[in-house]
Amino acid sequence: MSSKTRIFDQPQPLVERMIMNVEKVMVGKRDTIEKAFIALLSGGHLLLEDVPGVGKTMLVRALARTIGCEFKRIQCTPDLLPSDVTGVSVWNVKTNEFEFRPGPLMTSIVLADECNRTSPKTQSAFLEAMEEKRMTVDGVSYELPKPFMVIATQNPMEFEGTYALPEAQMDRFMMKLSLGYPTPDQEVLMLDRLQDRHPVEQLKPVIVQDELVQLQKEASMVHVDNTLKDYIVRLALATRDHADVVVGASPRASYALMRAAQTSAYVKGRTFVVPDDIQDLTVPVWSHRLMLTSEALMTGKTTEQVLFTLLSTVQTPDLRYVSAK
């Protein structure tokens, strides 16, 4: 087998070191951490939805420390203004000119904590930055740093004082993940690590910013056979034609799934995508993008259930015809 198509026994070494570094803080969350790095290396944004206190913010802090990039946190509240996020132009009396003072969005890793507690007007301030990696203030566009990633946390919608994120913004998040409660043994280990001081304060960067950008470029070069592109499109069409779905997977969702699958293969040490990469990521990449009918919601159906059903019914490409070029 040529080096170009070689399958390594271990994950990409540098990515594995980053994951292990975050695991020093997050106990028993290997799968969630790996998917968070897949979103990061794919150039995507991440939505963490769970009840308060399970470590959503801590995961983001640990990730930011691991990759050695600038990190800022925005605490979303009902009175937060768009200018508090993007920045504002102020009059400089010394120069007799307006001077732009950037907000926290002008940062590599931005944590929008409890994003569904702020108003839709402020939520919309993230849209341009998340899609085009730039923001416009007073008619002037500003390029955002590379890499750039928005990680938003939100409480479940049944909690009081929350606003539903607009569909356009939900579609801009590459993945939605949940941490869940730890097992009793994991919680005991967590308490043991927290007894003296928080372990996140001791984390050291594993890579620098330029190395991360290079990893993103390498992940985007992973080969995707046309048969697998067709498979992604057939899955997307199946969501759009499903009787329980009002809004199916968009073309942006198809692209996000392909990019995530490429990065998943890269993390696992492969230079080509296989169907398992797509199937493992379909739910976290698409579940937050679908909208179900009111009848389906009344019967207790979820978007995750719909996607699992489609994955079992849409024909999977035969690996014999998927070439690793």
C-alpha atoms as a PDB file:
ATOM      1  CA  MET A   1       0.000   0.000   0.000  1.00  0.00           C
ATOM      2  CA  SER A   2       1.411   3.384  -0.974  1.00  0.00           C
ATOM      3  CA  SER A   3       2.080   6.057   1.637  1.00  0.00           C
ATOM      4  CA  LYS A   4      -0.632   8.157   0.016  1.00  0.00           C
ATOM      5  CA  THR A   5      -3.338   5.660   0.953  1.00  0.00           C
ATOM      6  CA  ARG A   6      -1.771   4.285   4.113  1.00  0.00           C
ATOM      7  CA  ILE A   7      -4.083   3.746   7.106  1.00  0.00           C
ATOM      8  CA  PHE A   8      -2.296   4.490  10.377  1.00  0.00           C
ATOM      9  CA  ASP A   9      -2.870   2.423  13.496  1.00  0.00           C
ATOM     10  CA  GLN A  10      -3.127   5.494  15.751  1.00  0.00           C
ATOM     11  CA  PRO A  11      -4.883   8.878  15.380  1.00  0.00           C
ATOM     12  CA  GLN A  12      -2.961  11.796  13.958  1.00  0.00           C
ATOM     13  CA  PRO A  13      -0.299  12.244  16.699  1.00  0.00           C
ATOM     14  CA  LEU A  14      -0.634  16.002  17.194  1.00  0.00           C
ATOM     15  CA  VAL A  15      -4.429  15.820  17.370  1.00  0.00           C
ATOM     16  CA  GLU A  16      -4.185  12.960  19.847  1.00  0.00           C
ATOM     17  CA  ARG A  17      -1.939  15.061  22.078  1.00  0.00           C
ATOM     18  CA  MET A  18      -4.492  17.905  22.000  1.00  0.00           C
ATOM     19  CA  ILE A  19      -7.333  15.560  22.939  1.00  0.00           C
ATOM     20  CA  MET A  20      -5.319  14.048  25.795  1.00  0.00           C
ATOM     21  CA  ASN A  21      -4.497  17.529  27.078  1.00  0.00           C
ATOM     22  CA  VAL A  22      -8.185  18.452  27.339  1.00  0.00           C
ATOM     23  CA  GLU A  23      -8.904  15.085  29.001  1.00  0.00           C
ATOM     24  CA  LYS A  24      -6.799  16.264  31.943  1.00  0.00           C
ATOM     25  CA  VAL A  25      -9.725  18.565  32.730  1.00  0.00           C
ATOM     26  CA  MET A  26     -12.770  16.826  31.224  1.00  0.00           C
ATOM     27  CA  VAL A  27     -13.228  13.375  32.746  1.00  0.00           C
ATOM     28  CA  GLY A  28     -14.822  10.629  30.639  1.00  0.00           C
ATOM     29  CA  LYS A  29     -15.774  12.874  27.707  1.00  0.00           C
ATOM     30  CA  ARG A  30     -13.426  11.507  25.020  1.00  0.00           C
ATOM     31  CA  ASP A  31     -16.066  11.321  22.274  1.00  0.00           C
ATOM     32  CA  THR A  32     -17.303  14.883  22.863  1.00  0.00           C
ATOM     33  CA  ILE A  33     -13.760  16.256  22.992  1.00  0.00           C
ATOM     34  CA  GLU A  34     -12.832  14.500  19.753  1.00  0.00           C
ATOM     35  CA  LYS A  35     -15.892  15.871  17.973  1.00  0.00           C
ATOM     36  CA  ALA A  36     -15.123  19.378  19.289  1.00  0.00           C
ATOM     37  CA  PHE A  37     -11.663  19.167  17.719  1.00  0.00           C
ATOM     38  CA  ILE A  38     -13.210  17.856  14.494  1.00  0.00           C
ATOM     39  CA  ALA A  39     -15.385  21.001  14.366  1.00  0.00           C
ATOM     40  CA  LEU A  40     -12.344  23.189  15.078  1.00  0.00           C
ATOM     41  CA  LEU A  41     -10.121  21.551  12.447  1.00  0.00           C
ATOM     42  CA  SER A  42     -12.974  21.750   9.940  1.00  0.00           C
ATOM     43  CA  GLY A  43     -13.180  25.511  10.401  1.00  0.00           C
ATOM     44  CA  GLY A  44     -16.680  25.172  11.844  1.00  0.00           C
ATOM     45  CA  HIS A  45     -18.527  26.489  14.887  1.00  0.00           C
ATOM     46  CA  LEU A  46     -19.852  24.492  17.816  1.00  0.00           C
ATOM     47  CA  LEU A  47     -23.069  24.597  19.840  1.00  0.00           C
ATOM     48  CA  LEU A  48     -23.033  22.968  23.292  1.00  0.00           C
ATOM     49  CA  GLU A  49     -26.513  22.344  24.668  1.00  0.00           C
ATOM     50  CA  ASP A  50     -26.975  20.928  28.150  1.00  0.00           C
ATOM     51  CA  VAL A  51     -28.163  21.694  31.643  1.00  0.00           C
ATOM     52  CA  PRO A  52     -26.067  24.113  33.733  1.00  0.00           C
ATOM     53  CA  GLY A  53     -23.037  22.851  35.605  1.00  0.00           C
ATOM     54  CA  VAL A  54     -21.886  19.902  33.484  1.00  0.00           C
ATOM     55  CA  GLY A  55     -18.705  21.555  32.181  1.00  0.00           C
ATOM     56  CA  LYS A  56     -19.630  23.279  28.912  1.00  0.00           C
ATOM     57  CA  THR A  57     -17.638  26.424  29.651  1.00  0.00           C
ATOM     58  CA  MET A  58     -14.756  24.396  31.086  1.00  0.00           C
ATOM     59  CA  LEU A  59     -14.480  22.401  27.850  1.00  0.00           C
ATOM     60  CA  VAL A  60     -14.102  25.628  25.873  1.00  0.00           C
ATOM     61  CA  ARG A  61     -11.493  27.048  28.264  1.00  0.00           C
ATOM     62  CA  ALA A  62      -9.473  23.831  28.087  1.00  0.00           C
ATOM     63  CA  LEU A  63      -9.676  23.748  24.289  1.00  0.00           C
ATOM     64  CA  ALA A  64      -8.538  27.381  23.989  1.00  0.00           C
ATOM     65  CA  ARG A  65      -5.576  26.802  26.304  1.00  0.00           C
ATOM     66  CA  THR A  66      -4.604  23.673  24.385  1.00  0.00           C
ATOM     67  CA  ILE A  67      -4.378  25.374  20.992  1.00  0.00           C
ATOM     68  CA  GLY A  68      -2.642  28.484  22.324  1.00  0.00           C
ATOM     69  CA  CYS A  69      -5.047  30.961  20.703  1.00  0.00           C
ATOM     70  CA  GLU A  70      -6.561  34.121  22.138  1.00  0.00           C
ATOM     71  CA  PHE A  71      -9.838  33.408  23.885  1.00  0.00           C
ATOM     72  CA  LYS A  72     -12.643  35.723  25.015  1.00  0.00           C
ATOM     73  CA  ARG A  73     -15.938  35.005  26.715  1.00  0.00           C
ATOM     74  CA  ILE A  74     -19.212  36.818  26.106  1.00  0.00           C
ATOM     75  CA  GLN A  75     -21.774  36.366  28.852  1.00  0.00           C
ATOM     76  CA  CYS A  76     -25.071  36.643  26.988  1.00  0.00           C
ATOM     77  CA  THR A  77     -27.788  38.468  28.903  1.00  0.00           C
ATOM     78  CA  PRO A  78     -31.130  39.995  27.858  1.00  0.00           C
ATOM     79  CA  ASP A  79     -29.648  43.531  27.856  1.00  0.00           C
ATOM     80  CA  LEU A  80     -26.572  42.654  25.768  1.00  0.00           C
ATOM     81  CA  LEU A  81     -26.321  44.882  22.660  1.00  0.00           C
ATOM     82  CA  PRO A  82     -24.905  43.976  19.217  1.00  0.00           C
ATOM     83  CA  SER A  83     -22.182  46.608  19.686  1.00  0.00           C
ATOM     84  CA  ASP A  84     -21.121  44.828  22.884  1.00  0.00           C
ATOM     85  CA  VAL A  85     -20.265  41.859  20.673  1.00  0.00           C
ATOM     86  CA  THR A  86     -18.830  43.401  17.499  1.00  0.00           C
ATOM     87  CA  GLY A  87     -17.317  46.595  18.865  1.00  0.00           C
ATOM     88  CA  VAL A  88     -18.142  50.217  18.225  1.00  0.00           C
ATOM     89  CA  SER A  89     -16.737  53.356  16.595  1.00  0.00           C
ATOM     90  CA  VAL A  90     -16.108  56.183  19.038  1.00  0.00           C
ATOM     91  CA  TRP A  91     -15.099  59.798  18.421  1.00  0.00           C
ATOM     92  CA  ASN A  92     -11.468  60.565  19.208  1.00  0.00           C
ATOM     93  CA  VAL A  93     -11.229  64.223  20.235  1.00  0.00           C
ATOM     94  CA  LYS A  94      -7.450  64.266  19.685  1.00  0.00           C
ATOM     95  CA  THR A  95      -7.571  63.150  16.048  1.00  0.00           C
ATOM     96  CA  ASN A  96     -11.054  64.485  15.242  1.00  0.00           C
ATOM     97  CA  GLU A  97     -11.875  61.079  13.719  1.00  0.00           C
ATOM     98  CA  PHE A  98     -13.950  58.059  14.584  1.00  0.00           C
ATOM     99  CA  GLU A  99     -11.876  55.229  16.012  1.00  0.00           C
ATOM    100  CA  PHE A 100     -12.963  51.584  15.984  1.00  0.00           C
ATOM    101  CA  ARG A 101     -12.719  49.729  19.255  1.00  0.00           C
ATOM    102  CA  PRO A 102     -13.122  46.003  18.563  1.00  0.00           C
ATOM    103  CA  GLY A 103     -15.407  43.883  20.682  1.00  0.00           C
ATOM    104  CA  PRO A 104     -14.787  40.342  21.928  1.00  0.00           C
ATOM    105  CA  LEU A 105     -15.866  38.885  18.566  1.00  0.00           C
ATOM    106  CA  MET A 106     -12.505  39.981  17.120  1.00  0.00           C
ATOM    107  CA  THR A 107     -10.818  36.950  18.688  1.00  0.00           C
ATOM    108  CA  SER A 108      -9.731  33.471  17.542  1.00  0.00           C
ATOM    109  CA  ILE A 109     -11.887  31.502  20.002  1.00  0.00           C
ATOM    110  CA  VAL A 110     -15.111  33.197  21.125  1.00  0.00           C
ATOM    111  CA  LEU A 111     -17.307  31.671  23.803  1.00  0.00           C
ATOM    112  CA  ALA A 112     -20.894  32.913  23.671  1.00  0.00           C
ATOM    113  CA  ASP A 113     -22.039  31.640  27.048  1.00  0.00           C
ATOM    114  CA  GLU A 114     -25.781  30.968  27.394  1.00  0.00           C
ATOM    115  CA  CYS A 115     -26.350  32.423  23.937  1.00  0.00           C
ATOM    116  CA  ASN A 116     -30.086  31.783  24.054  1.00  0.00           C
ATOM    117  CA  ARG A 117     -30.494  34.190  26.973  1.00  0.00           C
ATOM    118  CA  THR A 118     -29.813  37.225  24.802  1.00  0.00           C
ATOM    119  CA  SER A 119     -32.238  38.871  22.391  1.00  0.00           C
ATOM    120  CA  PRO A 120     -32.594  37.836  18.725  1.00  0.00           C
ATOM    121  CA  LYS A 121     -31.189  41.228  17.683  1.00  0.00           C
ATOM    122  CA  THR A 122     -27.939  40.513  19.504  1.00  0.00           C
ATOM    123  CA  GLN A 123     -27.869  36.889  18.363  1.00  0.00           C
ATOM    124  CA  SER A 124     -27.918  38.149  14.776  1.00  0.00           C
ATOM    125  CA  ALA A 125     -24.644  40.037  15.404  1.00  0.00           C
ATOM    126  CA  PHE A 126     -22.857  36.683  15.103  1.00  0.00           C
ATOM    127  CA  LEU A 127     -24.247  35.762  11.671  1.00  0.00           C
ATOM    128  CA  GLU A 128     -21.815  37.516   9.327  1.00  0.00           C
ATOM    129  CA  ALA A 129     -18.796  36.555  11.425  1.00  0.00           C
ATOM    130  CA  MET A 130     -19.781  32.889  11.539  1.00  0.00           C
ATOM    131  CA  GLU A 131     -20.387  32.606   7.797  1.00  0.00           C
ATOM    132  CA  GLU A 132     -17.863  34.964   6.187  1.00  0.00           C
ATOM    133  CA  LYS A 133     -15.178  35.189   8.913  1.00  0.00           C
ATOM    134  CA  ARG A 134     -15.467  38.965   8.943  1.00  0.00           C
ATOM    135  CA  MET A 135     -17.732  41.579  10.498  1.00  0.00           C
ATOM    136  CA  THR A 136     -19.051  44.945   9.381  1.00  0.00           C
ATOM    137  CA  VAL A 137     -19.368  47.898  11.742  1.00  0.00           C
ATOM    138  CA  ASP A 138     -20.586  51.304  10.501  1.00  0.00           C
ATOM    139  CA  GLY A 139     -20.124  50.195   6.892  1.00  0.00           C
ATOM    140  CA  VAL A 140     -16.508  49.075   7.365  1.00  0.00           C
ATOM    141  CA  SER A 141     -15.573  45.374   7.111  1.00  0.00           C
ATOM    142  CA  TYR A 142     -12.968  43.860   9.402  1.00  0.00           C
ATOM    143  CA  GLU A 143     -11.314  40.502   8.758  1.00  0.00           C
ATOM    144  CA  LEU A 144     -11.364  38.124  11.701  1.00  0.00           C
ATOM    145  CA  PRO A 145      -8.240  36.271  12.856  1.00  0.00           C
ATOM    146  CA  LYS A 146      -7.305  32.802  11.643  1.00  0.00           C
ATOM    147  CA  PRO A 147      -8.333  30.457  13.037  1.00  0.00           C
ATOM    148  CA  PHE A 148     -11.734  31.778  14.097  1.00  0.00           C
ATOM    149  CA  MET A 149     -14.347  29.748  15.942  1.00  0.00           C
ATOM    150  CA  VAL A 150     -17.537  30.578  17.809  1.00  0.00           C
ATOM    151  CA  ILE A 151     -18.458  28.112  20.544  1.00  0.00           C
ATOM    152  CA  ALA A 152     -21.881  28.829  21.991  1.00  0.00           C
ATOM    153  CA  THR A 153     -23.481  27.224  25.006  1.00  0.00           C
ATOM    154  CA  GLN A 154     -27.194  27.155  25.567  1.00  0.00           C
ATOM    155  CA  ASN A 155     -29.576  25.802  28.141  1.00  0.00           C
ATOM    156  CA  PRO A 156     -32.439  23.561  27.026  1.00  0.00           C
ATOM    157  CA  MET A 157     -35.339  25.559  25.646  1.00  0.00           C
ATOM    158  CA  GLU A 158     -37.717  24.556  28.416  1.00  0.00           C
ATOM    159  CA  PHE A 159     -35.647  26.632  30.859  1.00  0.00           C
ATOM    160  CA  GLU A 160     -37.109  30.052  31.711  1.00  0.00           C
ATOM    161  CA  GLY A 161     -35.693  33.239  30.227  1.00  0.00           C
ATOM    162  CA  THR A 162     -34.436  31.770  26.962  1.00  0.00           C
ATOM    163  CA  TYR A 163     -34.931  32.775  23.322  1.00  0.00           C
ATOM    164  CA  ALA A 164     -34.913  30.288  20.477  1.00  0.00           C
ATOM    165  CA  LEU A 165     -31.900  30.784  18.206  1.00  0.00           C
ATOM    166  CA  PRO A 166     -32.993  31.785  14.668  1.00  0.00           C
ATOM    167  CA  GLU A 167     -32.845  29.030  12.052  1.00  0.00           C
ATOM    168  CA  ALA A 168     -30.229  30.944  10.038  1.00  0.00           C
ATOM    169  CA  GLN A 169     -27.916  30.959  13.029  1.00  0.00           C
ATOM    170  CA  MET A 170     -28.521  27.316  13.934  1.00  0.00           C
ATOM    171  CA  ASP A 171     -27.539  26.366  10.378  1.00  0.00           C
ATOM    172  CA  ARG A 172     -24.185  28.096  10.838  1.00  0.00           C
ATOM    173  CA  PHE A 173     -23.138  25.820  13.690  1.00  0.00           C
ATOM    174  CA  MET A 174     -21.287  22.823  12.290  1.00  0.00           C
ATOM    175  CA  MET A 175     -22.212  20.605  15.252  1.00  0.00           C
ATOM    176  CA  LYS A 176     -24.394  20.459  18.313  1.00  0.00           C
ATOM    177  CA  LEU A 177     -23.008  18.413  21.193  1.00  0.00           C
ATOM    178  CA  SER A 178     -24.081  17.592  24.742  1.00  0.00           C
ATOM    179  CA  LEU A 179     -21.845  16.577  27.624  1.00  0.00           C
ATOM    180  CA  GLY A 180     -24.349  14.876  29.894  1.00  0.00           C
ATOM    181  CA  TYR A 181     -23.825  13.952  33.534  1.00  0.00           C
ATOM    182  CA  PRO A 182     -20.687  12.017  34.510  1.00  0.00           C
ATOM    183  CA  THR A 183     -20.850   8.537  36.005  1.00  0.00           C
ATOM    184  CA  PRO A 184     -20.424   8.326  39.797  1.00  0.00           C
ATOM    185  CA  ASP A 185     -16.793   7.173  39.419  1.00  0.00           C
ATOM    186  CA  GLN A 186     -16.050   9.998  36.985  1.00  0.00           C
ATOM    187  CA  GLU A 187     -17.621  12.550  39.322  1.00  0.00           C
ATOM    188  CA  VAL A 188     -15.494  11.311  42.237  1.00  0.00           C
ATOM    189  CA  LEU A 189     -12.370  11.630  40.066  1.00  0.00           C
ATOM    190  CA  MET A 190     -13.462  15.145  39.075  1.00  0.00           C
ATOM    191  CA  LEU A 191     -13.839  16.159  42.728  1.00  0.00           C
ATOM    192  CA  ASP A 192     -10.404  14.731  43.479  1.00  0.00           C
ATOM    193  CA  ARG A 193      -8.810  16.835  40.724  1.00  0.00           C
ATOM    194  CA  LEU A 194     -10.610  19.976  41.892  1.00  0.00           C
ATOM    195  CA  GLN A 195      -9.687  19.604  45.545  1.00  0.00           C
ATOM    196  CA  ASP A 196      -6.583  21.812  45.505  1.00  0.00           C
ATOM    197  CA  ARG A 197      -6.991  23.982  42.414  1.00  0.00           C
ATOM    198  CA  HIS A 198      -8.677  23.761  39.055  1.00  0.00           C
ATOM    199  CA  PRO A 199      -6.648  21.664  36.582  1.00  0.00           C
ATOM    200  CA  VAL A 200      -7.461  24.012  33.681  1.00  0.00           C
ATOM    201  CA  GLU A 201      -5.101  26.570  35.206  1.00  0.00           C
ATOM    202  CA  GLN A 202      -2.239  24.110  34.738  1.00  0.00           C
ATOM    203  CA  LEU A 203      -2.891  23.305  31.076  1.00  0.00           C
ATOM    204  CA  LYS A 204      -0.140  24.247  28.649  1.00  0.00           C
ATOM    205  CA  PRO A 205      -0.548  24.840  24.892  1.00  0.00           C
ATOM    206  CA  VAL A 206       0.138  21.808  22.731  1.00  0.00           C
ATOM    207  CA  ILE A 207       0.375  23.729  19.445  1.00  0.00           C
ATOM    208  CA  VAL A 208       0.643  27.317  18.265  1.00  0.00           C
ATOM    209  CA  GLN A 209      -1.720  29.222  16.019  1.00  0.00           C
ATOM    210  CA  ASP A 210       0.181  28.638  12.763  1.00  0.00           C
ATOM    211  CA  GLU A 211       0.301  24.885  13.408  1.00  0.00           C
ATOM    212  CA  LEU A 212      -3.457  24.799  13.899  1.00  0.00           C
ATOM    213  CA  VAL A 213      -4.040  26.605  10.596  1.00  0.00           C
ATOM    214  CA  GLN A 214      -1.771  24.042   8.904  1.00  0.00           C
ATOM    215  CA  LEU A 215      -3.753  21.168  10.424  1.00  0.00           C
ATOM    216  CA  GLN A 216      -6.961  22.715   9.074  1.00  0.00           C
ATOM    217  CA  LYS A 217      -5.434  22.866   5.575  1.00  0.00           C
ATOM    218  CA  GLU A 218      -4.278  19.256   5.741  1.00  0.00           C
ATOM    219  CA  ALA A 219      -7.695  18.051   6.912  1.00  0.00           C
ATOM    220  CA  SER A 220      -9.398  19.809   3.990  1.00  0.00           C
ATOM    221  CA  MET A 221      -7.211  17.853   1.547  1.00  0.00           C
ATOM    222  CA  VAL A 222      -8.532  14.430   2.633  1.00  0.00           C
ATOM    223  CA  HIS A 223     -10.021  12.649  -0.388  1.00  0.00           C
ATOM    224  CA  VAL A 224     -13.816  12.235  -0.657  1.00  0.00           C
ATOM    225  CA  ASP A 225     -14.922   9.822  -3.353  1.00  0.00           C
ATOM    226  CA  ASN A 226     -17.806  10.930  -5.589  1.00  0.00           C
ATOM    227  CA  THR A 227     -19.739   7.892  -4.374  1.00  0.00           C
ATOM    228  CA  LEU A 228     -19.639   9.312  -0.837  1.00  0.00           C
ATOM    229  CA  LYS A 229     -20.597  12.798  -1.994  1.00  0.00           C
ATOM    230  CA  ASP A 230     -23.620  11.202  -3.646  1.00  0.00           C
ATOM    231  CA  TYR A 231     -24.357   9.375  -0.359  1.00  0.00           C
ATOM    232  CA  ILE A 232     -24.366  12.678   1.566  1.00  0.00           C
ATOM    233  CA  VAL A 233     -26.726  14.245  -0.976  1.00  0.00           C
ATOM    234  CA  ARG A 234     -29.073  11.237  -0.834  1.00  0.00           C
ATOM    235  CA  LEU A 235     -29.205  11.546   2.948  1.00  0.00           C
ATOM    236  CA  ALA A 236     -29.976  15.263   2.636  1.00  0.00           C
ATOM    237  CA  LEU A 237     -32.742  14.608   0.110  1.00  0.00           C
ATOM    238  CA  ALA A 238     -34.203  11.971   2.411  1.00  0.00           C
ATOM    239  CA  THR A 239     -34.515  14.564   5.213  1.00  0.00           C
ATOM    240  CA  ARG A 240     -36.252  17.007   2.867  1.00  0.00           C
ATOM    241  CA  ASP A 241     -38.772  14.372   1.730  1.00  0.00           C
ATOM    242  CA  HIS A 242     -39.447  12.908   5.178  1.00  0.00           C
ATOM    243  CA  ALA A 243     -43.069  13.137   6.315  1.00  0.00           C
ATOM    244  CA  ASP A 244     -42.117  14.293   9.822  1.00  0.00           C
ATOM    245  CA  VAL A 245     -39.730  17.042   8.667  1.00  0.00           C
ATOM    246  CA  VAL A 246     -40.722  20.604   7.765  1.00  0.00           C
ATOM    247  CA  VAL A 247     -37.202  21.868   7.041  1.00  0.00           C
ATOM    248  CA  GLY A 248     -34.588  19.340   5.966  1.00  0.00           C
ATOM    249  CA  ALA A 249     -30.815  19.497   5.648  1.00  0.00           C
ATOM    250  CA  SER A 250     -29.649  22.482   3.587  1.00  0.00           C
ATOM    251  CA  PRO A 251     -26.803  22.452   1.024  1.00  0.00           C
ATOM    252  CA  ARG A 252     -24.727  24.135   3.757  1.00  0.00           C
ATOM    253  CA  ALA A 253     -25.514  21.118   5.948  1.00  0.00           C
ATOM    254  CA  SER A 254     -24.303  18.755   3.210  1.00  0.00           C
ATOM    255  CA  TYR A 255     -21.048  20.676   2.932  1.00  0.00           C
ATOM    256  CA  ALA A 256     -20.616  20.704   6.717  1.00  0.00           C
ATOM    257  CA  LEU A 257     -21.059  16.938   6.877  1.00  0.00           C
ATOM    258  CA  MET A 258     -18.488  16.385   4.128  1.00  0.00           C
ATOM    259  CA  ARG A 259     -15.951  18.661   5.836  1.00  0.00           C
ATOM    260  CA  ALA A 260     -16.526  17.002   9.203  1.00  0.00           C
ATOM    261  CA  ALA A 261     -16.107  13.564   7.624  1.00  0.00           C
ATOM    262  CA  GLN A 262     -12.820  14.681   6.048  1.00  0.00           C
ATOM    263  CA  THR A 263     -11.514  15.849   9.402  1.00  0.00           C
ATOM    264  CA  SER A 264     -12.717  12.689  11.117  1.00  0.00           C
ATOM    265  CA  ALA A 265     -10.719  10.619   8.645  1.00  0.00           C
ATOM    266  CA  TYR A 266      -7.710  12.898   9.173  1.00  0.00           C
ATOM    267  CA  VAL A 267      -7.918  12.567  12.964  1.00  0.00           C
ATOM    268  CA  LYS A 268      -7.998   8.787  12.560  1.00  0.00           C
ATOM    269  CA  GLY A 269      -4.897   8.889  10.369  1.00  0.00           C
ATOM    270  CA  ARG A 270      -6.520   8.251   6.971  1.00  0.00           C
ATOM    271  CA  THR A 271      -6.136  10.193   3.753  1.00  0.00           C
ATOM    272  CA  PHE A 272      -9.623   9.286   2.530  1.00  0.00           C
ATOM    273  CA  VAL A 273     -13.195   9.247   3.866  1.00  0.00           C
ATOM    274  CA  VAL A 274     -15.167   6.037   4.434  1.00  0.00           C
ATOM    275  CA  PRO A 275     -18.939   5.692   5.048  1.00  0.00           C
ATOM    276  CA  ASP A 276     -18.405   5.296   8.805  1.00  0.00           C
ATOM    277  CA  ASP A 277     -16.992   8.836   8.983  1.00  0.00           C
ATOM    278  CA  ILE A 278     -20.229  10.180   7.512  1.00  0.00           C
ATOM    279  CA  GLN A 279     -22.551   8.000   9.581  1.00  0.00           C
ATOM    280  CA  ASP A 280     -20.807   8.774  12.877  1.00  0.00           C
ATOM    281  CA  LEU A 281     -21.217  12.524  12.345  1.00  0.00           C
ATOM    282  CA  THR A 282     -24.620  12.827  10.660  1.00  0.00           C
ATOM    283  CA  VAL A 283     -26.521  13.272  13.940  1.00  0.00           C
ATOM    284  CA  PRO A 284     -24.241  15.877  15.604  1.00  0.00           C
ATOM    285  CA  VAL A 285     -23.898  17.817  12.324  1.00  0.00           C
ATOM    286  CA  TRP A 286     -27.559  17.725  11.245  1.00  0.00           C
ATOM    287  CA  SER A 287     -29.795  17.233  14.302  1.00  0.00           C
ATOM    288  CA  HIS A 288     -29.997  20.940  15.158  1.00  0.00           C
ATOM    289  CA  ARG A 289     -30.715  21.944  11.547  1.00  0.00           C
ATOM    290  CA  LEU A 290     -33.917  19.948  11.012  1.00  0.00           C
ATOM    291  CA  MET A 291     -37.376  21.181  11.959  1.00  0.00           C
ATOM    292  CA  LEU A 292     -40.100  18.633  12.673  1.00  0.00           C
ATOM    293  CA  THR A 293     -43.816  18.969  12.055  1.00  0.00           C
ATOM    294  CA  SER A 294     -46.025  19.851  14.995  1.00  0.00           C
ATOM    295  CA  GLU A 295     -47.623  16.394  14.750  1.00  0.00           C
ATOM    296  CA  ALA A 296     -44.221  14.708  15.060  1.00  0.00           C
ATOM    297  CA  LEU A 297     -43.311  16.865  18.056  1.00  0.00           C
ATOM    298  CA  MET A 298     -46.611  16.059  19.760  1.00  0.00           C
ATOM    299  CA  THR A 299     -45.868  12.331  19.480  1.00  0.00           C
ATOM    300  CA  GLY A 300     -42.456  12.837  21.087  1.00  0.00           C
ATOM    301  CA  LYS A 301     -40.304  12.326  18.011  1.00  0.00           C
ATOM    302  CA  THR A 302     -36.886  13.980  17.825  1.00  0.00           C
ATOM    303  CA  THR A 303     -34.620  14.953  14.957  1.00  0.00           C
ATOM    304  CA  GLU A 304     -32.072  12.441  16.252  1.00  0.00           C
ATOM    305  CA  GLN A 305     -34.599   9.615  15.878  1.00  0.00           C
ATOM    306  CA  VAL A 306     -35.427  10.711  12.332  1.00  0.00           C
ATOM    307  CA  LEU A 307     -31.748  10.772  11.352  1.00  0.00           C
ATOM    308  CA  PHE A 308     -31.024   7.355  12.876  1.00  0.00           C
ATOM    309  CA  THR A 309     -33.945   5.954  10.875  1.00  0.00           C
ATOM    310  CA  LEU A 310     -32.661   7.481   7.636  1.00  0.00           C
ATOM    311  CA  LEU A 311     -29.151   6.173   8.263  1.00  0.00           C
ATOM    312  CA  SER A 312     -30.590   2.668   8.505  1.00  0.00           C
ATOM    313  CA  THR A 313     -32.745   2.992   5.374  1.00  0.00           C
ATOM    314  CA  VAL A 314     -30.651   4.997   2.891  1.00  0.00           C
ATOM    315  CA  GLN A 315     -28.353   2.587   1.064  1.00  0.00           C
ATOM    316  CA  THR A 316     -24.712   2.792   2.168  1.00  0.00           C
ATOM    317  CA  PRO A 317     -22.103   2.827  -0.611  1.00  0.00           C
ATOM    318  CA  ASP A 318     -20.208  -0.430  -1.117  1.00  0.00           C
ATOM    319  CA  LEU A 319     -16.623   0.018   0.092  1.00  0.00           C
ATOM    320  CA  ARG A 320     -15.360  -2.022  -2.862  1.00  0.00           C
ATOM    321  CA  TYR A 321     -16.312   0.874  -5.112  1.00  0.00           C
ATOM    322  CA  VAL A 322     -14.931   3.641  -2.884  1.00  0.00           C
ATOM    323  CA  SER A 323     -11.385   4.222  -4.062  1.00  0.00           C
ATOM    324  CA  ALA A 324      -8.783   5.930  -1.892  1.00  0.00           C
ATOM    325  CA  LYS A 325      -7.014   8.089  -4.423  1.00  0.00           C
END
